[in-house]
Amino acid sequence: MSLAETFRLLGDASRLKILLFCMRGPSSVGEISDALDLSQSLVSHNLRLLRSARLVKGERQAKQVFYEIDDIHVSQVLSDMAKHISE
């Protein structure tokens, strides 16, 4: 996936909210859905896209998958962008 395609993914408000929520730590689709007031199907769809871009990773625990930011670089870029915008 190209850099432009990755930033296009981040241009969607729902995906960006999901990604920022995943910075807090591992969360299930249901937890993300409830916290962000989004449908579970929308959250699942967007998580698939974010996983394919290697922005989040999922870890299965029993019957649920818990999603979190894939690595520290993704968290750092998002944090830096948020700081830049708030300046």
PDB file of N, CA and C in Angstrom:
ATOM      1  N   MET A   1       0.854  -1.179   0.000  1.00  0.00           N
ATOM      2  CA  MET A   1       0.000   0.000   0.000  1.00  0.00           C
ATOM      3  C   MET A   1       0.895   1.235   0.000  1.00  0.00           C
ATOM      4  N   SER A   2       0.564   2.188  -0.844  1.00  0.00           N
ATOM      5  CA  SER A   2       1.373   3.400  -0.956  1.00  0.00           C
ATOM      6  C   SER A   2       1.067   4.368   0.192  1.00  0.00           C
ATOM      7  N   LEU A   3       1.946   5.341   0.337  1.00  0.00           N
ATOM      8  CA  LEU A   3       1.751   6.359   1.366  1.00  0.00           C
ATOM      9  C   LEU A   3       0.465   7.142   1.109  1.00  0.00           C
ATOM     10  N   ALA A   4       0.209   7.468  -0.147  1.00  0.00           N
ATOM     11  CA  ALA A   4      -1.014   8.201  -0.494  1.00  0.00           C
ATOM     12  C   ALA A   4      -2.258   7.396  -0.132  1.00  0.00           C
ATOM     13  N   GLU A   5      -2.241   6.095  -0.394  1.00  0.00           N
ATOM     14  CA  GLU A   5      -3.386   5.242  -0.053  1.00  0.00           C
ATOM     15  C   GLU A   5      -3.581   5.161   1.459  1.00  0.00           C
ATOM     16  N   THR A   6      -2.479   5.128   2.187  1.00  0.00           N
ATOM     17  CA  THR A   6      -2.567   5.088   3.649  1.00  0.00           C
ATOM     18  C   THR A   6      -3.196   6.371   4.181  1.00  0.00           C
ATOM     19  N   PHE A   7      -2.757   7.511   3.672  1.00  0.00           N
ATOM     20  CA  PHE A   7      -3.337   8.775   4.123  1.00  0.00           C
ATOM     21  C   PHE A   7      -4.786   8.922   3.675  1.00  0.00           C
ATOM     22  N   ARG A   8      -5.140   8.335   2.533  1.00  0.00           N
ATOM     23  CA  ARG A   8      -6.541   8.343   2.101  1.00  0.00           C
ATOM     24  C   ARG A   8      -7.395   7.589   3.117  1.00  0.00           C
ATOM     25  N   LEU A   9      -6.885   6.461   3.615  1.00  0.00           N
ATOM     26  CA  LEU A   9      -7.611   5.715   4.653  1.00  0.00           C
ATOM     27  C   LEU A   9      -7.831   6.577   5.889  1.00  0.00           C
ATOM     28  N   LEU A  10      -6.823   7.354   6.248  1.00  0.00           N
ATOM     29  CA  LEU A  10      -6.913   8.192   7.444  1.00  0.00           C
ATOM     30  C   LEU A  10      -7.799   9.412   7.231  1.00  0.00           C
ATOM     31  N   GLY A  11      -8.157   9.692   5.984  1.00  0.00           N
ATOM     32  CA  GLY A  11      -9.025  10.822   5.685  1.00  0.00           C
ATOM     33  C   GLY A  11     -10.484  10.590   6.045  1.00  0.00           C
ATOM     34  N   ASP A  12     -10.833   9.347   6.354  1.00  0.00           N
ATOM     35  CA  ASP A  12     -12.201   9.019   6.757  1.00  0.00           C
ATOM     36  C   ASP A  12     -12.332   9.225   8.268  1.00  0.00           C
ATOM     37  N   ALA A  13     -13.303  10.031   8.691  1.00  0.00           N
ATOM     38  CA  ALA A  13     -13.448  10.376  10.111  1.00  0.00           C
ATOM     39  C   ALA A  13     -13.660   9.146  10.992  1.00  0.00           C
ATOM     40  N   SER A  14     -14.455   8.196  10.543  1.00  0.00           N
ATOM     41  CA  SER A  14     -14.708   6.995  11.352  1.00  0.00           C
ATOM     42  C   SER A  14     -13.439   6.176  11.537  1.00  0.00           C
ATOM     43  N   ARG A  15     -12.681   5.999  10.460  1.00  0.00           N
ATOM     44  CA  ARG A  15     -11.439   5.220  10.570  1.00  0.00           C
ATOM     45  C   ARG A  15     -10.440   5.920  11.473  1.00  0.00           C
ATOM     46  N   LEU A  16     -10.360   7.238  11.362  1.00  0.00           N
ATOM     47  CA  LEU A  16      -9.433   7.983  12.209  1.00  0.00           C
ATOM     48  C   LEU A  16      -9.831   7.863  13.679  1.00  0.00           C
ATOM     49  N   LYS A  17     -11.116   7.957  13.980  1.00  0.00           N
ATOM     50  CA  LYS A  17     -11.588   7.789  15.361  1.00  0.00           C
ATOM     51  C   LYS A  17     -11.250   6.400  15.886  1.00  0.00           C
ATOM     52  N   ILE A  18     -11.449   5.387  15.048  1.00  0.00           N
ATOM     53  CA  ILE A  18     -11.148   4.010  15.449  1.00  0.00           C
ATOM     54  C   ILE A  18      -9.656   3.868  15.732  1.00  0.00           C
ATOM     55  N   LEU A  19      -8.838   4.415  14.860  1.00  0.00           N
ATOM     56  CA  LEU A  19      -7.394   4.328  15.035  1.00  0.00           C
ATOM     57  C   LEU A  19      -6.950   5.033  16.315  1.00  0.00           C
ATOM     58  N   LEU A  20      -7.476   6.214  16.552  1.00  0.00           N
ATOM     59  CA  LEU A  20      -7.136   6.939  17.782  1.00  0.00           C
ATOM     60  C   LEU A  20      -7.606   6.178  19.018  1.00  0.00           C
ATOM     61  N   PHE A  21      -8.775   5.553  18.940  1.00  0.00           N
ATOM     62  CA  PHE A  21      -9.272   4.763  20.069  1.00  0.00           C
ATOM     63  C   PHE A  21      -8.350   3.578  20.336  1.00  0.00           C
ATOM     64  N   CYS A  22      -7.852   2.961  19.286  1.00  0.00           N
ATOM     65  CA  CYS A  22      -6.968   1.798  19.435  1.00  0.00           C
ATOM     66  C   CYS A  22      -5.623   2.165  20.057  1.00  0.00           C
ATOM     67  N   MET A  23      -5.289   3.446  20.088  1.00  0.00           N
ATOM     68  CA  MET A  23      -4.054   3.876  20.745  1.00  0.00           C
ATOM     69  C   MET A  23      -4.135   3.667  22.251  1.00  0.00           C
ATOM     70  N   ARG A  24      -5.334   3.574  22.793  1.00  0.00           N
ATOM     71  CA  ARG A  24      -5.521   3.393  24.239  1.00  0.00           C
ATOM     72  C   ARG A  24      -5.144   1.998  24.705  1.00  0.00           C
ATOM     73  N   GLY A  25      -5.128   1.053  23.783  1.00  0.00           N
ATOM     74  CA  GLY A  25      -4.819  -0.330  24.126  1.00  0.00           C
ATOM     75  C   GLY A  25      -5.776  -1.273  23.434  1.00  0.00           C
ATOM     76  N   PRO A  26      -5.581  -2.564  23.624  1.00  0.00           N
ATOM     77  CA  PRO A  26      -6.410  -3.561  22.941  1.00  0.00           C
ATOM     78  C   PRO A  26      -7.899  -3.394  23.252  1.00  0.00           C
ATOM     79  N   SER A  27      -8.709  -3.420  22.190  1.00  0.00           N
ATOM     80  CA  SER A  27     -10.159  -3.260  22.330  1.00  0.00           C
ATOM     81  C   SER A  27     -10.870  -4.161  21.338  1.00  0.00           C
ATOM     82  N   SER A  28     -12.015  -4.671  21.749  1.00  0.00           N
ATOM     83  CA  SER A  28     -12.828  -5.508  20.863  1.00  0.00           C
ATOM     84  C   SER A  28     -13.691  -4.622  19.964  1.00  0.00           C
ATOM     85  N   VAL A  29     -14.254  -5.224  18.930  1.00  0.00           N
ATOM     86  CA  VAL A  29     -15.152  -4.499  18.030  1.00  0.00           C
ATOM     87  C   VAL A  29     -16.313  -3.900  18.820  1.00  0.00           C
ATOM     88  N   GLY A  30     -16.873  -4.672  19.740  1.00  0.00           N
ATOM     89  CA  GLY A  30     -17.991  -4.190  20.550  1.00  0.00           C
ATOM     90  C   GLY A  30     -17.623  -2.989  21.401  1.00  0.00           C
ATOM     91  N   GLU A  31     -16.439  -3.029  22.009  1.00  0.00           N
ATOM     92  CA  GLU A  31     -15.986  -1.903  22.833  1.00  0.00           C
ATOM     93  C   GLU A  31     -15.792  -0.650  21.982  1.00  0.00           C
ATOM     94  N   ILE A  32     -15.181  -0.826  20.829  1.00  0.00           N
ATOM     95  CA  ILE A  32     -14.959   0.314  19.933  1.00  0.00           C
ATOM     96  C   ILE A  32     -16.298   0.869  19.453  1.00  0.00           C
ATOM     97  N   SER A  33     -17.184  -0.015  19.063  1.00  0.00           N
ATOM     98  CA  SER A  33     -18.508   0.368  18.576  1.00  0.00           C
ATOM     99  C   SER A  33     -19.272   1.167  19.626  1.00  0.00           C
ATOM    100  N   ASP A  34     -19.299   0.667  20.851  1.00  0.00           N
ATOM    101  CA  ASP A  34     -20.015   1.349  21.933  1.00  0.00           C
ATOM    102  C   ASP A  34     -19.394   2.706  22.256  1.00  0.00           C
ATOM    103  N   ALA A  35     -18.076   2.748  22.347  1.00  0.00           N
ATOM    104  CA  ALA A  35     -17.391   3.980  22.739  1.00  0.00           C
ATOM    105  C   ALA A  35     -17.539   5.079  21.690  1.00  0.00           C
ATOM    106  N   LEU A  36     -17.549   4.694  20.421  1.00  0.00           N
ATOM    107  CA  LEU A  36     -17.587   5.688  19.349  1.00  0.00           C
ATOM    108  C   LEU A  36     -18.966   5.869  18.737  1.00  0.00           C
ATOM    109  N   ASP A  37     -19.940   5.129  19.253  1.00  0.00           N
ATOM    110  CA  ASP A  37     -21.314   5.184  18.750  1.00  0.00           C
ATOM    111  C   ASP A  37     -21.375   4.916  17.239  1.00  0.00           C
ATOM    112  N   LEU A  38     -20.688   3.836  16.839  1.00  0.00           N
ATOM    113  CA  LEU A  38     -20.690   3.382  15.448  1.00  0.00           C
ATOM    114  C   LEU A  38     -21.224   1.959  15.416  1.00  0.00           C
ATOM    115  N   SER A  39     -21.810   1.557  14.304  1.00  0.00           N
ATOM    116  CA  SER A  39     -22.316   0.185  14.208  1.00  0.00           C
ATOM    117  C   SER A  39     -21.149  -0.798  14.200  1.00  0.00           C
ATOM    118  N   GLN A  40     -21.408  -2.006  14.719  1.00  0.00           N
ATOM    119  CA  GLN A  40     -20.361  -3.020  14.746  1.00  0.00           C
ATOM    120  C   GLN A  40     -19.920  -3.398  13.341  1.00  0.00           C
ATOM    121  N   SER A  41     -20.857  -3.413  12.397  1.00  0.00           N
ATOM    122  CA  SER A  41     -20.477  -3.768  11.023  1.00  0.00           C
ATOM    123  C   SER A  41     -19.557  -2.708  10.414  1.00  0.00           C
ATOM    124  N   LEU A  42     -19.812  -1.437  10.702  1.00  0.00           N
ATOM    125  CA  LEU A  42     -18.946  -0.369  10.203  1.00  0.00           C
ATOM    126  C   LEU A  42     -17.563  -0.458  10.839  1.00  0.00           C
ATOM    127  N   VAL A  43     -17.526  -0.706  12.140  1.00  0.00           N
ATOM    128  CA  VAL A  43     -16.249  -0.837  12.842  1.00  0.00           C
ATOM    129  C   VAL A  43     -15.465  -2.021  12.282  1.00  0.00           C
ATOM    130  N   SER A  44     -16.118  -3.158  12.103  1.00  0.00           N
ATOM    131  CA  SER A  44     -15.449  -4.346  11.558  1.00  0.00           C
ATOM    132  C   SER A  44     -14.892  -4.080  10.165  1.00  0.00           C
ATOM    133  N   HIS A  45     -15.697  -3.447   9.329  1.00  0.00           N
ATOM    134  CA  HIS A  45     -15.254  -3.128   7.965  1.00  0.00           C
ATOM    135  C   HIS A  45     -14.017  -2.230   7.997  1.00  0.00           C
ATOM    136  N   ASN A  46     -14.075  -1.178   8.807  1.00  0.00           N
ATOM    137  CA  ASN A  46     -12.953  -0.246   8.875  1.00  0.00           C
ATOM    138  C   ASN A  46     -11.717  -0.882   9.495  1.00  0.00           C
ATOM    139  N   LEU A  47     -11.895  -1.765  10.466  1.00  0.00           N
ATOM    140  CA  LEU A  47     -10.745  -2.464  11.043  1.00  0.00           C
ATOM    141  C   LEU A  47     -10.074  -3.366  10.012  1.00  0.00           C
ATOM    142  N   ARG A  48     -10.858  -3.990   9.148  1.00  0.00           N
ATOM    143  CA  ARG A  48     -10.264  -4.804   8.072  1.00  0.00           C
ATOM    144  C   ARG A  48      -9.380  -3.940   7.175  1.00  0.00           C
ATOM    145  N   LEU A  49      -9.865  -2.752   6.828  1.00  0.00           N
ATOM    146  CA  LEU A  49      -9.080  -1.846   5.989  1.00  0.00           C
ATOM    147  C   LEU A  49      -7.814  -1.386   6.710  1.00  0.00           C
ATOM    148  N   LEU A  50      -7.946  -1.060   7.987  1.00  0.00           N
ATOM    149  CA  LEU A  50      -6.791  -0.606   8.763  1.00  0.00           C
ATOM    150  C   LEU A  50      -5.774  -1.729   8.961  1.00  0.00           C
ATOM    151  N   ARG A  51      -6.266  -2.962   9.110  1.00  0.00           N
ATOM    152  CA  ARG A  51      -5.349  -4.111   9.215  1.00  0.00           C
ATOM    153  C   ARG A  51      -4.608  -4.327   7.909  1.00  0.00           C
ATOM    154  N   SER A  52      -5.306  -4.200   6.794  1.00  0.00           N
ATOM    155  CA  SER A  52      -4.651  -4.420   5.498  1.00  0.00           C
ATOM    156  C   SER A  52      -3.565  -3.375   5.242  1.00  0.00           C
ATOM    157  N   ALA A  53      -3.698  -2.201   5.845  1.00  0.00           N
ATOM    158  CA  ALA A  53      -2.689  -1.148   5.732  1.00  0.00           C
ATOM    159  C   ALA A  53      -1.623  -1.277   6.821  1.00  0.00           C
ATOM    160  N   ARG A  54      -1.750  -2.292   7.662  1.00  0.00           N
ATOM    161  CA  ARG A  54      -0.826  -2.555   8.773  1.00  0.00           C
ATOM    162  C   ARG A  54      -0.779  -1.400   9.782  1.00  0.00           C
ATOM    163  N   LEU A  55      -1.933  -0.751   9.977  1.00  0.00           N
ATOM    164  CA  LEU A  55      -2.035   0.312  10.973  1.00  0.00           C
ATOM    165  C   LEU A  55      -2.510  -0.230  12.308  1.00  0.00           C
ATOM    166  N   VAL A  56      -3.305  -1.288  12.285  1.00  0.00           N
ATOM    167  CA  VAL A  56      -3.726  -1.970  13.512  1.00  0.00           C
ATOM    168  C   VAL A  56      -3.456  -3.463  13.352  1.00  0.00           C
ATOM    169  N   LYS A  57      -3.389  -4.129  14.485  1.00  0.00           N
ATOM    170  CA  LYS A  57      -3.258  -5.590  14.485  1.00  0.00           C
ATOM    171  C   LYS A  57      -4.314  -6.149  15.412  1.00  0.00           C
ATOM    172  N   GLY A  58      -4.709  -7.363  15.145  1.00  0.00           N
ATOM    173  CA  GLY A  58      -5.717  -8.023  15.961  1.00  0.00           C
ATOM    174  C   GLY A  58      -5.151  -9.275  16.597  1.00  0.00           C
ATOM    175  N   GLU A  59      -5.549  -9.515  17.832  1.00  0.00           N
ATOM    176  CA  GLU A  59      -5.132 -10.723  18.550  1.00  0.00           C
ATOM    177  C   GLU A  59      -6.372 -11.424  19.079  1.00  0.00           C
ATOM    178  N   ARG A  60      -6.540 -12.662  18.667  1.00  0.00           N
ATOM    179  CA  ARG A  60      -7.706 -13.439  19.090  1.00  0.00           C
ATOM    180  C   ARG A  60      -7.512 -13.913  20.528  1.00  0.00           C
ATOM    181  N   GLN A  61      -8.551 -13.695  21.330  1.00  0.00           N
ATOM    182  CA  GLN A  61      -8.606 -14.202  22.700  1.00  0.00           C
ATOM    183  C   GLN A  61      -9.973 -14.843  22.856  1.00  0.00           C
ATOM    184  N   ALA A  62      -9.974 -16.156  22.887  1.00  0.00           N
ATOM    185  CA  ALA A  62     -11.219 -16.940  22.917  1.00  0.00           C
ATOM    186  C   ALA A  62     -12.026 -16.627  21.662  1.00  0.00           C
ATOM    187  N   LYS A  63     -13.238 -16.098  21.824  1.00  0.00           N
ATOM    188  CA  LYS A  63     -14.103 -15.839  20.669  1.00  0.00           C
ATOM    189  C   LYS A  63     -14.004 -14.414  20.148  1.00  0.00           C
ATOM    190  N   GLN A  64     -13.211 -13.580  20.792  1.00  0.00           N
ATOM    191  CA  GLN A  64     -13.119 -12.179  20.382  1.00  0.00           C
ATOM    192  C   GLN A  64     -11.730 -11.858  19.851  1.00  0.00           C
ATOM    193  N   VAL A  65     -11.679 -10.839  19.019  1.00  0.00           N
ATOM    194  CA  VAL A  65     -10.412 -10.308  18.539  1.00  0.00           C
ATOM    195  C   VAL A  65     -10.255  -8.918  19.141  1.00  0.00           C
ATOM    196  N   PHE A  66      -9.090  -8.662  19.701  1.00  0.00           N
ATOM    197  CA  PHE A  66      -8.790  -7.366  20.293  1.00  0.00           C
ATOM    198  C   PHE A  66      -7.793  -6.643  19.393  1.00  0.00           C
ATOM    199  N   TYR A  67      -8.126  -5.408  19.070  1.00  0.00           N
ATOM    200  CA  TYR A  67      -7.341  -4.621  18.124  1.00  0.00           C
ATOM    201  C   TYR A  67      -6.570  -3.535  18.851  1.00  0.00           C
ATOM    202  N   GLU A  68      -5.362  -3.294  18.340  1.00  0.00           N
ATOM    203  CA  GLU A  68      -4.536  -2.218  18.867  1.00  0.00           C
ATOM    204  C   GLU A  68      -3.641  -1.699  17.747  1.00  0.00           C
ATOM    205  N   ILE A  69      -2.978  -0.583  17.994  1.00  0.00           N
ATOM    206  CA  ILE A  69      -2.064  -0.012  17.014  1.00  0.00           C
ATOM    207  C   ILE A  69      -0.971  -1.035  16.714  1.00  0.00           C
ATOM    208  N   ASP A  70      -0.606  -1.138  15.440  1.00  0.00           N
ATOM    209  CA  ASP A  70       0.338  -2.177  15.017  1.00  0.00           C
ATOM    210  C   ASP A  70       1.741  -1.972  15.570  1.00  0.00           C
ATOM    211  N   ASP A  71       2.229  -0.741  15.603  1.00  0.00           N
ATOM    212  CA  ASP A  71       3.555  -0.510  16.177  1.00  0.00           C
ATOM    213  C   ASP A  71       3.691   0.926  16.664  1.00  0.00           C
ATOM    214  N   ILE A  72       4.789   1.193  17.339  1.00  0.00           N
ATOM    215  CA  ILE A  72       5.017   2.494  17.963  1.00  0.00           C
ATOM    216  C   ILE A  72       5.092   3.613  16.922  1.00  0.00           C
ATOM    217  N   HIS A  73       5.537   3.311  15.712  1.00  0.00           N
ATOM    218  CA  HIS A  73       5.650   4.349  14.683  1.00  0.00           C
ATOM    219  C   HIS A  73       4.289   4.940  14.333  1.00  0.00           C
ATOM    220  N   VAL A  74       3.282   4.100  14.240  1.00  0.00           N
ATOM    221  CA  VAL A  74       1.929   4.575  13.925  1.00  0.00           C
ATOM    222  C   VAL A  74       1.437   5.494  15.043  1.00  0.00           C
ATOM    223  N   SER A  75       1.622   5.079  16.286  1.00  0.00           N
ATOM    224  CA  SER A  75       1.213   5.904  17.433  1.00  0.00           C
ATOM    225  C   SER A  75       1.934   7.241  17.424  1.00  0.00           C
ATOM    226  N   GLN A  76       3.222   7.207  17.137  1.00  0.00           N
ATOM    227  CA  GLN A  76       4.018   8.431  17.161  1.00  0.00           C
ATOM    228  C   GLN A  76       3.572   9.412  16.082  1.00  0.00           C
ATOM    229  N   VAL A  77       3.306   8.917  14.885  1.00  0.00           N
ATOM    230  CA  VAL A  77       2.846   9.789  13.795  1.00  0.00           C
ATOM    231  C   VAL A  77       1.516  10.442  14.171  1.00  0.00           C
ATOM    232  N   LEU A  78       0.582   9.651  14.702  1.00  0.00           N
ATOM    233  CA  LEU A  78      -0.720  10.201  15.088  1.00  0.00           C
ATOM    234  C   LEU A  78      -0.580  11.219  16.217  1.00  0.00           C
ATOM    235  N   SER A  79       0.256  10.917  17.199  1.00  0.00           N
ATOM    236  CA  SER A  79       0.477  11.852  18.310  1.00  0.00           C
ATOM    237  C   SER A  79       1.099  13.150  17.815  1.00  0.00           C
ATOM    238  N   ASP A  80       2.103  13.035  16.945  1.00  0.00           N
ATOM    239  CA  ASP A  80       2.755  14.226  16.408  1.00  0.00           C
ATOM    240  C   ASP A  80       1.786  15.082  15.598  1.00  0.00           C
ATOM    241  N   MET A  81       0.936  14.446  14.796  1.00  0.00           N
ATOM    242  CA  MET A  81      -0.046  15.193  14.008  1.00  0.00           C
ATOM    243  C   MET A  81      -1.039  15.913  14.921  1.00  0.00           C
ATOM    244  N   ALA A  82      -1.506  15.232  15.958  1.00  0.00           N
ATOM    245  CA  ALA A  82      -2.456  15.846  16.894  1.00  0.00           C
ATOM    246  C   ALA A  82      -1.820  17.049  17.589  1.00  0.00           C
ATOM    247  N   LYS A  83      -0.558  16.922  18.000  1.00  0.00           N
ATOM    248  CA  LYS A  83       0.147  18.039  18.643  1.00  0.00           C
ATOM    249  C   LYS A  83       0.310  19.200  17.669  1.00  0.00           C
ATOM    250  N   HIS A  84       0.670  18.894  16.445  1.00  0.00           N
ATOM    251  CA  HIS A  84       0.871  19.929  15.427  1.00  0.00           C
ATOM    252  C   HIS A  84      -0.416  20.723  15.193  1.00  0.00           C
ATOM    253  N   ILE A  85      -1.527  20.030  15.106  1.00  0.00           N
ATOM    254  CA  ILE A  85      -2.812  20.684  14.846  1.00  0.00           C
ATOM    255  C   ILE A  85      -3.243  21.552  16.022  1.00  0.00           C
ATOM    256  N   SER A  86      -2.916  21.117  17.241  1.00  0.00           N
ATOM    257  CA  SER A  86      -3.354  21.863  18.427  1.00  0.00           C
ATOM    258  C   SER A  86      -2.460  23.061  18.735  1.00  0.00           C
ATOM    259  N   GLU A  87      -1.347  23.210  18.048  1.00  0.00           N
ATOM    260  CA  GLU A  87      -0.437  24.342  18.307  1.00  0.00           C
ATOM    261  C   GLU A  87      -0.992  25.636  17.762  1.00  0.00           C
TER     262      GLU A  87
END
